[in-house]
Amino acid sequence: MPDKQVALVVGASRGIGRQVAVDLAKNGYAVVVAAKTTSDASTANPFPPDPNSHQSTISTVEREIEEAGGEATAIKVDTRDFDSVQKMVDETVKMYGRLDVVIYNSGAIWWSSVENTPMKRFQLMQRVNPEGLYGTVQAALPHFKNNGWRGRIIVVSPPIYSRFFRGKTAYAMGKIGMSVLTKGLAMDWEREGKTKMAIMSIWPAAAIESAATQNPQTNRAELRKPTIFSDAILSMLRAPASTINGSLELDEDYLRKTGVTDFAKYASIEGSHPRRIMPAEFPDLNVAEQADEGNRMDSAKLRESKI
């Protein structure tokens, strides 16, 4: 087995995902960059391409990492297809012999009212966002088990609060579902004594320069560089599992917890002060009877008893 830890970044062709993959490689990880889009990286001109353009693919990200002295492998995946997801994870482990970190950044976006969100668009978001994440987790869990239940899963999804639903309900349904998976799987691991596993979610406190923000409605002075996101993720990966398992974090707020106070370096335009788009505080999701599950049903065990 290689000395390097292996990180699988799903949704790594451009924007935030690309930055995370590049910075993981700089910090000693062997990185698998996964997404749908490939290209002939040897003919890319200019190189590296604009990281927020369609010219940036998993092929160019792989080349970019390798030319900087890092280790990377590009694997094509369609997160809507569980067979494709399973193959991506299995190829990762076959190539490197291990899997230590999964980062799920793949996402489909459409911000509009329910009335103005077509059914096909809704279905696409649910398949890429919560279903793609669930499939990736399902495919990865056996490999974490083989590694003695050691590893990290980081999900790009938001804290749970009501304002997030407004004006983008269909999108929010999937993204909040991803955060529910973070909370629920963390509870499973805690109950099962898997103290070396951790899953957490991360979301931007201020808008980040990415493919999603390349539109006429966006003022670049309101954007931060994606390095704030990768810095927060790297810090999460260094933290003890017990301190982060099940947490729904914002990039800025998490970095503040680690002692970072100067965020000027993250502004896309030097001297600008991007506006915080997230609330200052979030609701506590716990209830008074948090530990009282009563007679908890397990459908898997019920099925086994009927076989």
C-alpha atoms as a PDB file:
ATOM      1  CA  MET A   1       0.000   0.000   0.000  1.00  0.00           C
ATOM      2  CA  PRO A   2       1.297   3.475  -0.808  1.00  0.00           C
ATOM      3  CA  ASP A   3       2.395   5.814   1.964  1.00  0.00           C
ATOM      4  CA  LYS A   4       0.197   8.572   0.573  1.00  0.00           C
ATOM      5  CA  GLN A   5      -3.394   8.861   1.650  1.00  0.00           C
ATOM      6  CA  VAL A   6      -5.843   8.605  -1.234  1.00  0.00           C
ATOM      7  CA  ALA A   7      -8.566  11.196  -1.780  1.00  0.00           C
ATOM      8  CA  LEU A   8     -11.415  10.784  -4.252  1.00  0.00           C
ATOM      9  CA  VAL A   9     -12.853  14.144  -5.328  1.00  0.00           C
ATOM     10  CA  VAL A  10     -16.164  13.763  -7.147  1.00  0.00           C
ATOM     11  CA  GLY A  11     -16.976  16.828  -9.224  1.00  0.00           C
ATOM     12  CA  ALA A  12     -13.362  17.902  -9.730  1.00  0.00           C
ATOM     13  CA  SER A  13     -13.297  19.170 -13.309  1.00  0.00           C
ATOM     14  CA  ARG A  14     -13.435  22.881 -12.530  1.00  0.00           C
ATOM     15  CA  GLY A  15     -14.217  25.557  -9.954  1.00  0.00           C
ATOM     16  CA  ILE A  16     -14.247  24.531  -6.314  1.00  0.00           C
ATOM     17  CA  GLY A  17     -13.706  20.832  -7.009  1.00  0.00           C
ATOM     18  CA  ARG A  18     -10.632  21.488  -9.114  1.00  0.00           C
ATOM     19  CA  GLN A  19      -9.147  23.750  -6.433  1.00  0.00           C
ATOM     20  CA  VAL A  20      -9.745  21.145  -3.732  1.00  0.00           C
ATOM     21  CA  ALA A  21      -8.094  18.443  -5.845  1.00  0.00           C
ATOM     22  CA  VAL A  22      -5.073  20.645  -6.647  1.00  0.00           C
ATOM     23  CA  ASP A  23      -4.563  21.632  -3.011  1.00  0.00           C
ATOM     24  CA  LEU A  24      -4.982  18.082  -1.711  1.00  0.00           C
ATOM     25  CA  ALA A  25      -2.229  16.996  -4.110  1.00  0.00           C
ATOM     26  CA  LYS A  26       0.001  19.866  -2.920  1.00  0.00           C
ATOM     27  CA  ASN A  27      -0.487  18.558   0.603  1.00  0.00           C
ATOM     28  CA  GLY A  28       0.660  15.043  -0.189  1.00  0.00           C
ATOM     29  CA  TYR A  29      -2.507  13.198  -1.163  1.00  0.00           C
ATOM     30  CA  ALA A  30      -2.799  10.941  -4.178  1.00  0.00           C
ATOM     31  CA  VAL A  31      -5.917  12.395  -5.778  1.00  0.00           C
ATOM     32  CA  VAL A  32      -8.519  10.802  -8.006  1.00  0.00           C
ATOM     33  CA  VAL A  33     -10.297  13.545  -9.950  1.00  0.00           C
ATOM     34  CA  ALA A  34     -13.731  12.402 -11.078  1.00  0.00           C
ATOM     35  CA  ALA A  35     -16.465  14.004 -13.183  1.00  0.00           C
ATOM     36  CA  LYS A  36     -18.228  13.543 -16.523  1.00  0.00           C
ATOM     37  CA  THR A  37     -16.073  15.753 -18.721  1.00  0.00           C
ATOM     38  CA  THR A  38     -12.812  14.545 -20.238  1.00  0.00           C
ATOM     39  CA  SER A  39     -10.576  15.963 -22.967  1.00  0.00           C
ATOM     40  CA  ASP A  40      -7.197  15.581 -24.644  1.00  0.00           C
ATOM     41  CA  ALA A  41      -5.169  17.477 -22.055  1.00  0.00           C
ATOM     42  CA  SER A  42      -2.026  17.342 -24.206  1.00  0.00           C
ATOM     43  CA  THR A  43      -3.621  19.724 -26.711  1.00  0.00           C
ATOM     44  CA  ALA A  44      -5.090  22.181 -24.198  1.00  0.00           C
ATOM     45  CA  ASN A  45      -4.300  25.750 -25.241  1.00  0.00           C
ATOM     46  CA  PRO A  46      -3.864  27.758 -23.118  1.00  0.00           C
ATOM     47  CA  PHE A  47      -2.719  25.480 -20.320  1.00  0.00           C
ATOM     48  CA  PRO A  48      -3.864  25.389 -17.685  1.00  0.00           C
ATOM     49  CA  PRO A  49      -7.246  26.522 -18.981  1.00  0.00           C
ATOM     50  CA  ASP A  50      -9.557  28.939 -17.189  1.00  0.00           C
ATOM     51  CA  PRO A  51     -10.540  26.835 -14.139  1.00  0.00           C
ATOM     52  CA  ASN A  52     -14.162  27.988 -14.398  1.00  0.00           C
ATOM     53  CA  SER A  53     -14.578  27.246 -18.109  1.00  0.00           C
ATOM     54  CA  HIS A  54     -15.666  24.132 -19.971  1.00  0.00           C
ATOM     55  CA  GLN A  55     -12.076  23.791 -21.189  1.00  0.00           C
ATOM     56  CA  SER A  56     -11.193  22.688 -17.661  1.00  0.00           C
ATOM     57  CA  THR A  57     -11.821  18.932 -17.400  1.00  0.00           C
ATOM     58  CA  ILE A  58     -10.669  16.081 -15.194  1.00  0.00           C
ATOM     59  CA  SER A  59      -8.020  15.427 -17.856  1.00  0.00           C
ATOM     60  CA  THR A  60      -6.542  18.938 -17.590  1.00  0.00           C
ATOM     61  CA  VAL A  61      -6.753  18.841 -13.782  1.00  0.00           C
ATOM     62  CA  GLU A  62      -4.865  15.535 -13.759  1.00  0.00           C
ATOM     63  CA  ARG A  63      -2.158  17.031 -15.989  1.00  0.00           C
ATOM     64  CA  GLU A  64      -2.019  20.219 -13.905  1.00  0.00           C
ATOM     65  CA  ILE A  65      -1.456  18.249 -10.701  1.00  0.00           C
ATOM     66  CA  GLU A  66       1.170  15.971 -12.257  1.00  0.00           C
ATOM     67  CA  GLU A  67       3.125  18.862 -13.802  1.00  0.00           C
ATOM     68  CA  ALA A  68       3.241  20.458 -10.357  1.00  0.00           C
ATOM     69  CA  GLY A  69       4.821  17.289  -8.962  1.00  0.00           C
ATOM     70  CA  GLY A  70       1.693  15.730  -7.484  1.00  0.00           C
ATOM     71  CA  GLU A  71      -0.013  12.395  -8.065  1.00  0.00           C
ATOM     72  CA  ALA A  72      -3.415  12.258  -9.757  1.00  0.00           C
ATOM     73  CA  THR A  73      -5.658   9.986 -11.783  1.00  0.00           C
ATOM     74  CA  ALA A  74      -8.694  11.077 -13.779  1.00  0.00           C
ATOM     75  CA  ILE A  75     -11.697   8.741 -13.716  1.00  0.00           C
ATOM     76  CA  LYS A  76     -14.826   9.533 -15.695  1.00  0.00           C
ATOM     77  CA  VAL A  77     -18.093   9.103 -13.800  1.00  0.00           C
ATOM     78  CA  ASP A  78     -21.778   9.830 -14.252  1.00  0.00           C
ATOM     79  CA  THR A  79     -23.117  10.258 -10.722  1.00  0.00           C
ATOM     80  CA  ARG A  80     -26.662   9.596 -11.965  1.00  0.00           C
ATOM     81  CA  ASP A  81     -25.650   6.000 -12.736  1.00  0.00           C
ATOM     82  CA  PHE A  82     -24.847   3.825  -9.709  1.00  0.00           C
ATOM     83  CA  ASP A  83     -22.921   1.326 -11.826  1.00  0.00           C
ATOM     84  CA  SER A  84     -20.680   4.171 -12.988  1.00  0.00           C
ATOM     85  CA  VAL A  85     -20.230   5.339  -9.394  1.00  0.00           C
ATOM     86  CA  GLN A  86     -19.409   1.825  -8.218  1.00  0.00           C
ATOM     87  CA  LYS A  87     -16.840   1.452 -10.990  1.00  0.00           C
ATOM     88  CA  MET A  88     -15.235   4.800 -10.050  1.00  0.00           C
ATOM     89  CA  VAL A  89     -14.748   3.751  -6.427  1.00  0.00           C
ATOM     90  CA  ASP A  90     -13.586   0.241  -7.280  1.00  0.00           C
ATOM     91  CA  GLU A  91     -11.069   1.575  -9.839  1.00  0.00           C
ATOM     92  CA  THR A  92      -9.715   3.984  -7.236  1.00  0.00           C
ATOM     93  CA  VAL A  93      -9.068   1.185  -4.752  1.00  0.00           C
ATOM     94  CA  LYS A  94      -7.724  -1.178  -7.415  1.00  0.00           C
ATOM     95  CA  MET A  95      -5.214   1.457  -8.524  1.00  0.00           C
ATOM     96  CA  TYR A  96      -4.069   2.704  -5.119  1.00  0.00           C
ATOM     97  CA  GLY A  97      -4.954  -0.151  -2.788  1.00  0.00           C
ATOM     98  CA  ARG A  98      -6.851   2.078  -0.386  1.00  0.00           C
ATOM     99  CA  LEU A  99      -9.384   4.892   0.028  1.00  0.00           C
ATOM    100  CA  ASP A 100      -9.009   7.427   2.834  1.00  0.00           C
ATOM    101  CA  VAL A 101     -11.067  10.460   1.848  1.00  0.00           C
ATOM    102  CA  VAL A 102     -14.173  11.032  -0.274  1.00  0.00           C
ATOM    103  CA  ILE A 103     -15.209  14.574  -1.169  1.00  0.00           C
ATOM    104  CA  TYR A 104     -18.562  14.904  -2.924  1.00  0.00           C
ATOM    105  CA  ASN A 105     -18.676  18.202  -4.814  1.00  0.00           C
ATOM    106  CA  SER A 106     -20.696  17.067  -7.832  1.00  0.00           C
ATOM    107  CA  GLY A 107     -23.882  19.099  -8.201  1.00  0.00           C
ATOM    108  CA  ALA A 108     -26.669  20.292 -10.470  1.00  0.00           C
ATOM    109  CA  ILE A 109     -28.163  23.728  -9.845  1.00  0.00           C
ATOM    110  CA  TRP A 110     -31.385  25.552 -10.729  1.00  0.00           C
ATOM    111  CA  TRP A 111     -32.527  28.371  -8.488  1.00  0.00           C
ATOM    112  CA  SER A 112     -36.148  29.274  -9.130  1.00  0.00           C
ATOM    113  CA  SER A 113     -39.655  28.840  -7.768  1.00  0.00           C
ATOM    114  CA  VAL A 114     -41.465  25.510  -7.851  1.00  0.00           C
ATOM    115  CA  GLU A 115     -43.690  26.870 -10.622  1.00  0.00           C
ATOM    116  CA  ASN A 116     -40.658  27.730 -12.740  1.00  0.00           C
ATOM    117  CA  THR A 117     -38.672  24.552 -12.101  1.00  0.00           C
ATOM    118  CA  PRO A 118     -39.529  21.948 -14.774  1.00  0.00           C
ATOM    119  CA  MET A 119     -39.883  18.323 -13.727  1.00  0.00           C
ATOM    120  CA  LYS A 120     -36.844  17.251 -15.763  1.00  0.00           C
ATOM    121  CA  ARG A 121     -34.716  19.873 -14.023  1.00  0.00           C
ATOM    122  CA  PHE A 122     -36.005  18.735 -10.615  1.00  0.00           C
ATOM    123  CA  GLN A 123     -35.207  15.107 -11.429  1.00  0.00           C
ATOM    124  CA  LEU A 124     -31.704  15.986 -12.627  1.00  0.00           C
ATOM    125  CA  MET A 125     -30.925  17.801  -9.372  1.00  0.00           C
ATOM    126  CA  GLN A 126     -32.170  14.942  -7.208  1.00  0.00           C
ATOM    127  CA  ARG A 127     -30.195  12.351  -9.177  1.00  0.00           C
ATOM    128  CA  VAL A 128     -26.914  14.280  -9.197  1.00  0.00           C
ATOM    129  CA  ASN A 129     -27.161  15.782  -5.715  1.00  0.00           C
ATOM    130  CA  PRO A 130     -28.623  13.456  -3.016  1.00  0.00           C
ATOM    131  CA  GLU A 131     -28.790  10.269  -5.118  1.00  0.00           C
ATOM    132  CA  GLY A 132     -25.249  10.692  -6.463  1.00  0.00           C
ATOM    133  CA  LEU A 133     -23.940  11.297  -2.961  1.00  0.00           C
ATOM    134  CA  TYR A 134     -25.821   8.319  -1.537  1.00  0.00           C
ATOM    135  CA  GLY A 135     -24.461   6.051  -4.264  1.00  0.00           C
ATOM    136  CA  THR A 136     -20.906   7.266  -3.707  1.00  0.00           C
ATOM    137  CA  VAL A 137     -21.194   6.648   0.038  1.00  0.00           C
ATOM    138  CA  GLN A 138     -22.688   3.190  -0.530  1.00  0.00           C
ATOM    139  CA  ALA A 139     -19.863   2.271  -2.909  1.00  0.00           C
ATOM    140  CA  ALA A 140     -17.182   3.596  -0.550  1.00  0.00           C
ATOM    141  CA  LEU A 141     -18.358   2.048   2.732  1.00  0.00           C
ATOM    142  CA  PRO A 142     -17.043  -1.502   2.075  1.00  0.00           C
ATOM    143  CA  HIS A 143     -13.582  -0.076   1.392  1.00  0.00           C
ATOM    144  CA  PHE A 144     -13.638   1.986   4.587  1.00  0.00           C
ATOM    145  CA  LYS A 145     -14.650  -1.213   6.409  1.00  0.00           C
ATOM    146  CA  ASN A 146     -11.667  -3.034   4.901  1.00  0.00           C
ATOM    147  CA  ASN A 147      -9.479  -0.184   6.164  1.00  0.00           C
ATOM    148  CA  GLY A 148     -10.585  -0.815   9.762  1.00  0.00           C
ATOM    149  CA  TRP A 149     -13.316   1.847   9.576  1.00  0.00           C
ATOM    150  CA  ARG A 150     -10.880   4.727   9.163  1.00  0.00           C
ATOM    151  CA  GLY A 151     -11.642   7.615   6.827  1.00  0.00           C
ATOM    152  CA  ARG A 152     -13.397  10.861   6.080  1.00  0.00           C
ATOM    153  CA  ILE A 153     -16.304  11.884   3.878  1.00  0.00           C
ATOM    154  CA  ILE A 154     -16.820  15.580   3.136  1.00  0.00           C
ATOM    155  CA  VAL A 155     -20.066  16.707   1.525  1.00  0.00           C
ATOM    156  CA  VAL A 156     -20.696  20.042  -0.161  1.00  0.00           C
ATOM    157  CA  SER A 157     -24.090  20.821   1.359  1.00  0.00           C
ATOM    158  CA  PRO A 158     -25.498  23.544   3.641  1.00  0.00           C
ATOM    159  CA  PRO A 159     -26.555  23.910   7.249  1.00  0.00           C
ATOM    160  CA  ILE A 160     -30.298  23.297   7.663  1.00  0.00           C
ATOM    161  CA  TYR A 161     -32.322  26.493   8.070  1.00  0.00           C
ATOM    162  CA  SER A 162     -35.581  27.830   6.611  1.00  0.00           C
ATOM    163  CA  ARG A 163     -34.295  30.780   4.571  1.00  0.00           C
ATOM    164  CA  PHE A 164     -32.367  28.395   2.335  1.00  0.00           C
ATOM    165  CA  PHE A 165     -35.643  27.006   0.962  1.00  0.00           C
ATOM    166  CA  ARG A 166     -36.920  30.348  -0.327  1.00  0.00           C
ATOM    167  CA  GLY A 167     -36.853  30.874  -4.085  1.00  0.00           C
ATOM    168  CA  LYS A 168     -35.050  27.585  -4.782  1.00  0.00           C
ATOM    169  CA  THR A 169     -37.195  24.919  -3.143  1.00  0.00           C
ATOM    170  CA  ALA A 170     -36.444  22.146  -5.645  1.00  0.00           C
ATOM    171  CA  TYR A 171     -32.696  22.702  -5.290  1.00  0.00           C
ATOM    172  CA  ALA A 172     -32.963  22.955  -1.512  1.00  0.00           C
ATOM    173  CA  MET A 173     -34.822  19.648  -1.272  1.00  0.00           C
ATOM    174  CA  GLY A 174     -31.813  17.805  -2.643  1.00  0.00           C
ATOM    175  CA  LYS A 175     -29.113  19.802  -0.892  1.00  0.00           C
ATOM    176  CA  ILE A 176     -30.792  19.594   2.508  1.00  0.00           C
ATOM    177  CA  GLY A 177     -31.212  15.875   1.881  1.00  0.00           C
ATOM    178  CA  MET A 178     -27.432  15.651   1.528  1.00  0.00           C
ATOM    179  CA  SER A 179     -27.023  17.367   4.896  1.00  0.00           C
ATOM    180  CA  VAL A 180     -29.507  14.903   6.422  1.00  0.00           C
ATOM    181  CA  LEU A 181     -27.280  12.072   5.151  1.00  0.00           C
ATOM    182  CA  THR A 182     -24.324  13.737   6.882  1.00  0.00           C
ATOM    183  CA  LYS A 183     -26.210  13.927  10.171  1.00  0.00           C
ATOM    184  CA  GLY A 184     -27.719  10.452   9.921  1.00  0.00           C
ATOM    185  CA  LEU A 185     -24.576   8.561   8.924  1.00  0.00           C
ATOM    186  CA  ALA A 186     -22.642  10.341  11.672  1.00  0.00           C
ATOM    187  CA  MET A 187     -25.232   9.128  14.187  1.00  0.00           C
ATOM    188  CA  ASP A 188     -24.920   5.568  12.843  1.00  0.00           C
ATOM    189  CA  TRP A 189     -21.149   5.613  13.285  1.00  0.00           C
ATOM    190  CA  GLU A 190     -21.399   7.097  16.757  1.00  0.00           C
ATOM    191  CA  ARG A 191     -23.895   4.440  17.845  1.00  0.00           C
ATOM    192  CA  GLU A 192     -21.793   1.662  16.284  1.00  0.00           C
ATOM    193  CA  GLY A 193     -18.558   2.840  17.910  1.00  0.00           C
ATOM    194  CA  LYS A 194     -16.817   3.715  14.632  1.00  0.00           C
ATOM    195  CA  THR A 195     -14.790   6.466  16.261  1.00  0.00           C
ATOM    196  CA  LYS A 196     -12.184   6.750  13.489  1.00  0.00           C
ATOM    197  CA  MET A 197     -14.756   7.596  10.806  1.00  0.00           C
ATOM    198  CA  ALA A 198     -16.170  11.067  10.253  1.00  0.00           C
ATOM    199  CA  ILE A 199     -18.563  12.660   7.792  1.00  0.00           C
ATOM    200  CA  MET A 200     -19.167  16.391   7.654  1.00  0.00           C
ATOM    201  CA  SER A 201     -20.694  18.997   5.347  1.00  0.00           C
ATOM    202  CA  ILE A 202     -19.215  22.312   4.232  1.00  0.00           C
ATOM    203  CA  TRP A 203     -20.799  25.334   2.551  1.00  0.00           C
ATOM    204  CA  PRO A 204     -19.604  28.845   1.598  1.00  0.00           C
ATOM    205  CA  ALA A 205     -20.275  31.727   3.974  1.00  0.00           C
ATOM    206  CA  ALA A 206     -19.793  34.151   1.063  1.00  0.00           C
ATOM    207  CA  ALA A 207     -20.179  33.387  -2.643  1.00  0.00           C
ATOM    208  CA  ILE A 208     -17.173  31.702  -4.255  1.00  0.00           C
ATOM    209  CA  GLU A 209     -15.770  32.192  -7.737  1.00  0.00           C
ATOM    210  CA  SER A 210     -16.742  29.051  -9.639  1.00  0.00           C
ATOM    211  CA  ALA A 211     -18.504  27.861 -12.777  1.00  0.00           C
ATOM    212  CA  ALA A 212     -21.839  28.448 -11.021  1.00  0.00           C
ATOM    213  CA  THR A 213     -21.078  32.145 -10.437  1.00  0.00           C
ATOM    214  CA  GLN A 214     -19.913  32.898 -13.986  1.00  0.00           C
ATOM    215  CA  ASN A 215     -23.057  34.770 -15.047  1.00  0.00           C
ATOM    216  CA  PRO A 216     -24.143  38.386 -15.673  1.00  0.00           C
ATOM    217  CA  GLN A 217     -26.033  38.487 -12.356  1.00  0.00           C
ATOM    218  CA  THR A 218     -22.813  38.101 -10.356  1.00  0.00           C
ATOM    219  CA  ASN A 219     -20.683  40.996  -9.128  1.00  0.00           C
ATOM    220  CA  ARG A 220     -17.100  39.683  -8.868  1.00  0.00           C
ATOM    221  CA  ALA A 221     -16.427  42.042  -5.982  1.00  0.00           C
ATOM    222  CA  GLU A 222     -18.808  39.863  -3.976  1.00  0.00           C
ATOM    223  CA  LEU A 223     -16.822  36.672  -4.644  1.00  0.00           C
ATOM    224  CA  ARG A 224     -14.089  34.841  -2.788  1.00  0.00           C
ATOM    225  CA  LYS A 225     -11.403  32.584  -4.242  1.00  0.00           C
ATOM    226  CA  PRO A 226     -12.064  28.836  -3.962  1.00  0.00           C
ATOM    227  CA  THR A 227      -8.892  28.484  -1.887  1.00  0.00           C
ATOM    228  CA  ILE A 228     -10.960  29.372   1.196  1.00  0.00           C
ATOM    229  CA  PHE A 229     -12.928  26.177   0.625  1.00  0.00           C
ATOM    230  CA  SER A 230      -9.898  23.947   0.121  1.00  0.00           C
ATOM    231  CA  ASP A 231      -8.156  25.479   3.151  1.00  0.00           C
ATOM    232  CA  ALA A 232     -11.198  24.676   5.295  1.00  0.00           C
ATOM    233  CA  ILE A 233     -11.358  21.116   3.960  1.00  0.00           C
ATOM    234  CA  LEU A 234      -7.660  20.514   4.616  1.00  0.00           C
ATOM    235  CA  SER A 235      -8.156  21.772   8.150  1.00  0.00           C
ATOM    236  CA  MET A 236     -11.115  19.413   8.611  1.00  0.00           C
ATOM    237  CA  LEU A 237      -9.025  16.461   7.444  1.00  0.00           C
ATOM    238  CA  ARG A 238      -6.430  17.223  10.118  1.00  0.00           C
ATOM    239  CA  ALA A 239      -8.987  17.445  12.937  1.00  0.00           C
ATOM    240  CA  PRO A 240      -9.826  14.529  15.256  1.00  0.00           C
ATOM    241  CA  ALA A 241     -12.846  12.606  13.962  1.00  0.00           C
ATOM    242  CA  SER A 242     -14.825  13.138  17.160  1.00  0.00           C
ATOM    243  CA  THR A 243     -14.679  16.932  16.803  1.00  0.00           C
ATOM    244  CA  ILE A 244     -16.130  17.075  13.300  1.00  0.00           C
ATOM    245  CA  ASN A 245     -18.325  14.013  12.787  1.00  0.00           C
ATOM    246  CA  GLY A 246     -21.829  15.100  11.806  1.00  0.00           C
ATOM    247  CA  SER A 247     -21.022  18.812  11.653  1.00  0.00           C
ATOM    248  CA  LEU A 248     -22.539  21.167   9.079  1.00  0.00           C
ATOM    249  CA  GLU A 249     -19.916  23.872   8.684  1.00  0.00           C
ATOM    250  CA  LEU A 250     -19.345  27.110   6.799  1.00  0.00           C
ATOM    251  CA  ASP A 251     -15.861  27.588   5.342  1.00  0.00           C
ATOM    252  CA  GLU A 252     -15.198  30.929   7.042  1.00  0.00           C
ATOM    253  CA  ASP A 253     -16.676  29.960  10.396  1.00  0.00           C
ATOM    254  CA  TYR A 254     -14.711  26.711  10.535  1.00  0.00           C
ATOM    255  CA  LEU A 255     -11.454  28.477   9.702  1.00  0.00           C
ATOM    256  CA  ARG A 256     -12.180  31.016  12.461  1.00  0.00           C
ATOM    257  CA  LYS A 257     -12.447  28.113  14.912  1.00  0.00           C
ATOM    258  CA  THR A 258      -8.914  27.098  13.914  1.00  0.00           C
ATOM    259  CA  GLY A 259      -7.535  30.595  14.551  1.00  0.00           C
ATOM    260  CA  VAL A 260      -7.759  32.238  11.105  1.00  0.00           C
ATOM    261  CA  THR A 261      -8.685  35.920  11.412  1.00  0.00           C
ATOM    262  CA  ASP A 262      -7.535  37.509   8.127  1.00  0.00           C
ATOM    263  CA  PHE A 263      -9.791  36.687   5.186  1.00  0.00           C
ATOM    264  CA  ALA A 264      -8.638  39.489   2.881  1.00  0.00           C
ATOM    265  CA  LYS A 265      -6.427  37.085   0.902  1.00  0.00           C
ATOM    266  CA  TYR A 266      -9.494  35.171  -0.213  1.00  0.00           C
ATOM    267  CA  ALA A 267     -11.199  38.112  -1.979  1.00  0.00           C
ATOM    268  CA  SER A 268     -11.367  37.576  -5.749  1.00  0.00           C
ATOM    269  CA  ILE A 269     -10.776  41.292  -6.263  1.00  0.00           C
ATOM    270  CA  GLU A 270      -8.060  42.675  -4.016  1.00  0.00           C
ATOM    271  CA  GLY A 271      -9.425  45.111  -1.462  1.00  0.00           C
ATOM    272  CA  SER A 272     -13.059  44.040  -1.881  1.00  0.00           C
ATOM    273  CA  HIS A 273     -15.159  42.766   1.011  1.00  0.00           C
ATOM    274  CA  PRO A 274     -17.483  40.008  -0.183  1.00  0.00           C
ATOM    275  CA  ARG A 275     -20.841  40.036   1.556  1.00  0.00           C
ATOM    276  CA  ARG A 276     -21.705  37.144   3.837  1.00  0.00           C
ATOM    277  CA  ILE A 277     -24.724  35.382   2.332  1.00  0.00           C
ATOM    278  CA  MET A 278     -25.317  32.948   5.189  1.00  0.00           C
ATOM    279  CA  PRO A 279     -26.985  33.625   8.554  1.00  0.00           C
ATOM    280  CA  ALA A 280     -24.856  34.467  11.570  1.00  0.00           C
ATOM    281  CA  GLU A 281     -26.463  31.661  13.607  1.00  0.00           C
ATOM    282  CA  PHE A 282     -28.287  28.437  12.803  1.00  0.00           C
ATOM    283  CA  PRO A 283     -31.045  26.502  14.589  1.00  0.00           C
ATOM    284  CA  ASP A 284     -30.154  23.660  16.937  1.00  0.00           C
ATOM    285  CA  LEU A 285     -31.566  20.482  15.379  1.00  0.00           C
ATOM    286  CA  ASN A 286     -31.518  18.506  18.624  1.00  0.00           C
ATOM    287  CA  VAL A 287     -34.684  17.943  20.667  1.00  0.00           C
ATOM    288  CA  ALA A 288     -35.230  17.339  24.383  1.00  0.00           C
ATOM    289  CA  GLU A 289     -35.775  13.595  23.808  1.00  0.00           C
ATOM    290  CA  GLN A 290     -32.717  13.273  21.559  1.00  0.00           C
ATOM    291  CA  ALA A 291     -31.597   9.951  23.051  1.00  0.00           C
ATOM    292  CA  ASP A 292     -35.081   8.404  23.288  1.00  0.00           C
ATOM    293  CA  GLU A 293     -35.653   6.288  20.172  1.00  0.00           C
ATOM    294  CA  GLY A 294     -38.095   3.885  21.811  1.00  0.00           C
ATOM    295  CA  ASN A 295     -38.291   0.495  20.093  1.00  0.00           C
ATOM    296  CA  ARG A 296     -36.275   1.350  16.985  1.00  0.00           C
ATOM    297  CA  MET A 297     -37.247  -0.587  13.863  1.00  0.00           C
ATOM    298  CA  ASP A 298     -34.563  -1.903  11.496  1.00  0.00           C
ATOM    299  CA  SER A 299     -36.018  -2.895   8.128  1.00  0.00           C
ATOM    300  CA  ALA A 300     -32.863  -4.782   7.112  1.00  0.00           C
ATOM    301  CA  LYS A 301     -33.112  -7.038  10.173  1.00  0.00           C
ATOM    302  CA  LEU A 302     -36.825  -7.536   9.606  1.00  0.00           C
ATOM    303  CA  ARG A 303     -36.117  -8.706   6.071  1.00  0.00           C
ATOM    304  CA  GLU A 304     -33.371 -11.071   7.272  1.00  0.00           C
ATOM    305  CA  SER A 305     -35.784 -12.646   9.755  1.00  0.00           C
ATOM    306  CA  LYS A 306     -38.235 -13.429   6.948  1.00  0.00           C
ATOM    307  CA  ILE A 307     -35.692 -15.168   4.733  1.00  0.00           C
END
